[in-house]
Amino acid sequence: MNITISLAPLISLIAGILILVMPKLLNYIVAIYLIAIGLIGIFNLSL
């Protein structure tokens, strides 16, 4: 049984949970998320 998880949905899930827990971190979480998604797109990472 193999379970494969894409990196982008995992990052967005973690970001969403952090925003719910600590709304003051919204700007940082969005910035980190956008940078991560950009890097994934540039380097074609699919983990």
PDB file of N, CA and C in Angstrom:
ATOM      1  N   MET A   1       0.853  -1.186   0.000  1.00  0.00           N
ATOM      2  CA  MET A   1       0.000   0.000   0.000  1.00  0.00           C
ATOM      3  C   MET A   1       0.892   1.240   0.000  1.00  0.00           C
ATOM      4  N   ASN A   2       0.830   2.001  -1.070  1.00  0.00           N
ATOM      5  CA  ASN A   2       1.623   3.220  -1.170  1.00  0.00           C
ATOM      6  C   ASN A   2       0.722   4.438  -1.070  1.00  0.00           C
ATOM      7  N   ILE A   3       1.114   5.380  -0.251  1.00  0.00           N
ATOM      8  CA  ILE A   3       0.391   6.636  -0.125  1.00  0.00           C
ATOM      9  C   ILE A   3       1.304   7.744  -0.616  1.00  0.00           C
ATOM     10  N   THR A   4       0.862   8.470  -1.628  1.00  0.00           N
ATOM     11  CA  THR A   4       1.655   9.586  -2.133  1.00  0.00           C
ATOM     12  C   THR A   4       0.929  10.888  -1.829  1.00  0.00           C
ATOM     13  N   ILE A   5       1.661  11.842  -1.327  1.00  0.00           N
ATOM     14  CA  ILE A   5       1.108  13.144  -0.969  1.00  0.00           C
ATOM     15  C   ILE A   5       1.863  14.200  -1.748  1.00  0.00           C
ATOM     16  N   SER A   6       1.132  15.057  -2.447  1.00  0.00           N
ATOM     17  CA  SER A   6       1.764  16.156  -3.156  1.00  0.00           C
ATOM     18  C   SER A   6       2.193  17.214  -2.147  1.00  0.00           C
ATOM     19  N   LEU A   7       3.223  17.932  -2.506  1.00  0.00           N
ATOM     20  CA  LEU A   7       3.774  18.912  -1.579  1.00  0.00           C
ATOM     21  C   LEU A   7       2.897  20.155  -1.451  1.00  0.00           C
ATOM     22  N   ALA A   8       2.346  20.656  -2.546  1.00  0.00           N
ATOM     23  CA  ALA A   8       1.555  21.887  -2.515  1.00  0.00           C
ATOM     24  C   ALA A   8       0.312  21.772  -1.626  1.00  0.00           C
ATOM     25  N   PRO A   9      -0.502  20.713  -1.759  1.00  0.00           N
ATOM     26  CA  PRO A   9      -1.661  20.609  -0.861  1.00  0.00           C
ATOM     27  C   PRO A   9      -1.270  20.460   0.609  1.00  0.00           C
ATOM     28  N   LEU A  10      -0.173  19.792   0.858  1.00  0.00           N
ATOM     29  CA  LEU A  10       0.284  19.631   2.239  1.00  0.00           C
ATOM     30  C   LEU A  10       0.677  20.978   2.835  1.00  0.00           C
ATOM     31  N   ILE A  11       1.390  21.792   2.055  1.00  0.00           N
ATOM     32  CA  ILE A  11       1.786  23.119   2.522  1.00  0.00           C
ATOM     33  C   ILE A  11       0.558  23.980   2.774  1.00  0.00           C
ATOM     34  N   SER A  12      -0.422  23.924   1.875  1.00  0.00           N
ATOM     35  CA  SER A  12      -1.610  24.751   2.053  1.00  0.00           C
ATOM     36  C   SER A  12      -2.421  24.307   3.266  1.00  0.00           C
ATOM     37  N   LEU A  13      -2.459  23.014   3.540  1.00  0.00           N
ATOM     38  CA  LEU A  13      -3.161  22.519   4.724  1.00  0.00           C
ATOM     39  C   LEU A  13      -2.500  23.023   6.000  1.00  0.00           C
ATOM     40  N   ILE A  14      -1.187  22.929   6.057  1.00  0.00           N
ATOM     41  CA  ILE A  14      -0.456  23.411   7.233  1.00  0.00           C
ATOM     42  C   ILE A  14      -0.645  24.916   7.399  1.00  0.00           C
ATOM     43  N   ALA A  15      -0.583  25.663   6.286  1.00  0.00           N
ATOM     44  CA  ALA A  15      -0.772  27.114   6.348  1.00  0.00           C
ATOM     45  C   ALA A  15      -2.162  27.453   6.850  1.00  0.00           C
ATOM     46  N   GLY A  16      -3.175  26.745   6.372  1.00  0.00           N
ATOM     47  CA  GLY A  16      -4.548  26.998   6.820  1.00  0.00           C
ATOM     48  C   GLY A  16      -4.732  26.744   8.302  1.00  0.00           C
ATOM     49  N   ILE A  17      -4.144  25.673   8.795  1.00  0.00           N
ATOM     50  CA  ILE A  17      -4.242  25.359  10.225  1.00  0.00           C
ATOM     51  C   ILE A  17      -3.547  26.436  11.055  1.00  0.00           C
ATOM     52  N   LEU A  18      -2.363  26.869  10.617  1.00  0.00           N
ATOM     53  CA  LEU A  18      -1.648  27.908  11.357  1.00  0.00           C
ATOM     54  C   LEU A  18      -2.413  29.222  11.366  1.00  0.00           C
ATOM     55  N   ILE A  19      -3.077  29.569  10.257  1.00  0.00           N
ATOM     56  CA  ILE A  19      -3.868  30.794  10.214  1.00  0.00           C
ATOM     57  C   ILE A  19      -5.042  30.700  11.183  1.00  0.00           C
ATOM     58  N   LEU A  20      -5.669  29.525  11.273  1.00  0.00           N
ATOM     59  CA  LEU A  20      -6.776  29.361  12.221  1.00  0.00           C
ATOM     60  C   LEU A  20      -6.301  29.478  13.661  1.00  0.00           C
ATOM     61  N   VAL A  21      -5.135  28.929  13.947  1.00  0.00           N
ATOM     62  CA  VAL A  21      -4.619  28.928  15.320  1.00  0.00           C
ATOM     63  C   VAL A  21      -4.078  30.299  15.706  1.00  0.00           C
ATOM     64  N   MET A  22      -3.327  30.925  14.808  1.00  0.00           N
ATOM     65  CA  MET A  22      -2.690  32.209  15.108  1.00  0.00           C
ATOM     66  C   MET A  22      -2.934  33.199  13.966  1.00  0.00           C
ATOM     67  N   PRO A  23      -4.080  33.891  13.965  1.00  0.00           N
ATOM     68  CA  PRO A  23      -4.408  34.795  12.857  1.00  0.00           C
ATOM     69  C   PRO A  23      -3.405  35.929  12.655  1.00  0.00           C
ATOM     70  N   LYS A  24      -2.640  36.286  13.679  1.00  0.00           N
ATOM     71  CA  LYS A  24      -1.672  37.373  13.543  1.00  0.00           C
ATOM     72  C   LYS A  24      -0.525  37.000  12.608  1.00  0.00           C
ATOM     73  N   LEU A  25      -0.333  35.713  12.355  1.00  0.00           N
ATOM     74  CA  LEU A  25       0.742  35.258  11.477  1.00  0.00           C
ATOM     75  C   LEU A  25       0.325  35.217  10.009  1.00  0.00           C
ATOM     76  N   LEU A  26      -0.857  35.722   9.690  1.00  0.00           N
ATOM     77  CA  LEU A  26      -1.404  35.593   8.342  1.00  0.00           C
ATOM     78  C   LEU A  26      -0.449  36.104   7.270  1.00  0.00           C
ATOM     79  N   ASN A  27       0.118  37.293   7.446  1.00  0.00           N
ATOM     80  CA  ASN A  27       1.012  37.855   6.429  1.00  0.00           C
ATOM     81  C   ASN A  27       2.227  36.973   6.198  1.00  0.00           C
ATOM     82  N   TYR A  28       2.832  36.487   7.259  1.00  0.00           N
ATOM     83  CA  TYR A  28       4.018  35.649   7.127  1.00  0.00           C
ATOM     84  C   TYR A  28       3.682  34.312   6.479  1.00  0.00           C
ATOM     85  N   ILE A  29       2.565  33.719   6.896  1.00  0.00           N
ATOM     86  CA  ILE A  29       2.182  32.419   6.358  1.00  0.00           C
ATOM     87  C   ILE A  29       1.890  32.529   4.869  1.00  0.00           C
ATOM     88  N   VAL A  30       1.171  33.575   4.466  1.00  0.00           N
ATOM     89  CA  VAL A  30       0.862  33.755   3.044  1.00  0.00           C
ATOM     90  C   VAL A  30       2.139  33.972   2.246  1.00  0.00           C
ATOM     91  N   ALA A  31       3.057  34.774   2.775  1.00  0.00           N
ATOM     92  CA  ALA A  31       4.312  35.028   2.071  1.00  0.00           C
ATOM     93  C   ALA A  31       5.125  33.744   1.926  1.00  0.00           C
ATOM     94  N   ILE A  32       5.250  32.971   2.981  1.00  0.00           N
ATOM     95  CA  ILE A  32       6.004  31.720   2.926  1.00  0.00           C
ATOM     96  C   ILE A  32       5.333  30.738   1.974  1.00  0.00           C
ATOM     97  N   TYR A  33       3.994  30.694   2.011  1.00  0.00           N
ATOM     98  CA  TYR A  33       3.258  29.801   1.120  1.00  0.00           C
ATOM     99  C   TYR A  33       3.507  30.157  -0.348  1.00  0.00           C
ATOM    100  N   LEU A  34       3.426  31.440  -0.656  1.00  0.00           N
ATOM    101  CA  LEU A  34       3.630  31.865  -2.042  1.00  0.00           C
ATOM    102  C   LEU A  34       5.055  31.587  -2.512  1.00  0.00           C
ATOM    103  N   ILE A  35       6.019  31.804  -1.647  1.00  0.00           N
ATOM    104  CA  ILE A  35       7.406  31.504  -1.997  1.00  0.00           C
ATOM    105  C   ILE A  35       7.578  30.004  -2.225  1.00  0.00           C
ATOM    106  N   ALA A  36       7.010  29.188  -1.356  1.00  0.00           N
ATOM    107  CA  ALA A  36       7.135  27.732  -1.492  1.00  0.00           C
ATOM    108  C   ALA A  36       6.481  27.247  -2.785  1.00  0.00           C
ATOM    109  N   ILE A  37       5.284  27.741  -3.097  1.00  0.00           N
ATOM    110  CA  ILE A  37       4.593  27.322  -4.317  1.00  0.00           C
ATOM    111  C   ILE A  37       5.378  27.783  -5.543  1.00  0.00           C
ATOM    112  N   GLY A  38       5.958  28.960  -5.474  1.00  0.00           N
ATOM    113  CA  GLY A  38       6.786  29.447  -6.572  1.00  0.00           C
ATOM    114  C   GLY A  38       8.004  28.575  -6.796  1.00  0.00           C
ATOM    115  N   LEU A  39       8.666  28.187  -5.725  1.00  0.00           N
ATOM    116  CA  LEU A  39       9.838  27.313  -5.842  1.00  0.00           C
ATOM    117  C   LEU A  39       9.462  25.938  -6.379  1.00  0.00           C
ATOM    118  N   ILE A  40       8.310  25.433  -5.933  1.00  0.00           N
ATOM    119  CA  ILE A  40       7.839  24.140  -6.435  1.00  0.00           C
ATOM    120  C   ILE A  40       7.603  24.235  -7.939  1.00  0.00           C
ATOM    121  N   GLY A  41       6.993  25.331  -8.372  1.00  0.00           N
ATOM    122  CA  GLY A  41       6.732  25.507  -9.796  1.00  0.00           C
ATOM    123  C   GLY A  41       8.001  25.684 -10.614  1.00  0.00           C
ATOM    124  N   ILE A  42       8.951  26.426 -10.102  1.00  0.00           N
ATOM    125  CA  ILE A  42      10.192  26.686 -10.839  1.00  0.00           C
ATOM    126  C   ILE A  42      11.022  25.409 -10.990  1.00  0.00           C
ATOM    127  N   PHE A  43      11.142  24.659  -9.932  1.00  0.00           N
ATOM    128  CA  PHE A  43      12.009  23.479  -9.949  1.00  0.00           C
ATOM    129  C   PHE A  43      11.256  22.181 -10.236  1.00  0.00           C
ATOM    130  N   ASN A  44       9.956  22.272 -10.561  1.00  0.00           N
ATOM    131  CA  ASN A  44       9.141  21.099 -10.866  1.00  0.00           C
ATOM    132  C   ASN A  44       9.254  20.017  -9.809  1.00  0.00           C
ATOM    133  N   LEU A  45       9.124  20.387  -8.558  1.00  0.00           N
ATOM    134  CA  LEU A  45       9.200  19.416  -7.477  1.00  0.00           C
ATOM    135  C   LEU A  45       7.840  18.748  -7.302  1.00  0.00           C
ATOM    136  N   SER A  46       7.824  17.451  -7.233  1.00  0.00           N
ATOM    137  CA  SER A  46       6.591  16.723  -6.931  1.00  0.00           C
ATOM    138  C   SER A  46       6.954  15.620  -5.961  1.00  0.00           C
ATOM    139  N   LEU A  47       6.892  15.963  -4.694  1.00  0.00           N
ATOM    140  CA  LEU A  47       7.269  14.998  -3.657  1.00  0.00           C
ATOM    141  C   LEU A  47       6.079  14.264  -3.121  1.00  0.00           C
TER     142      LEU A  47
END
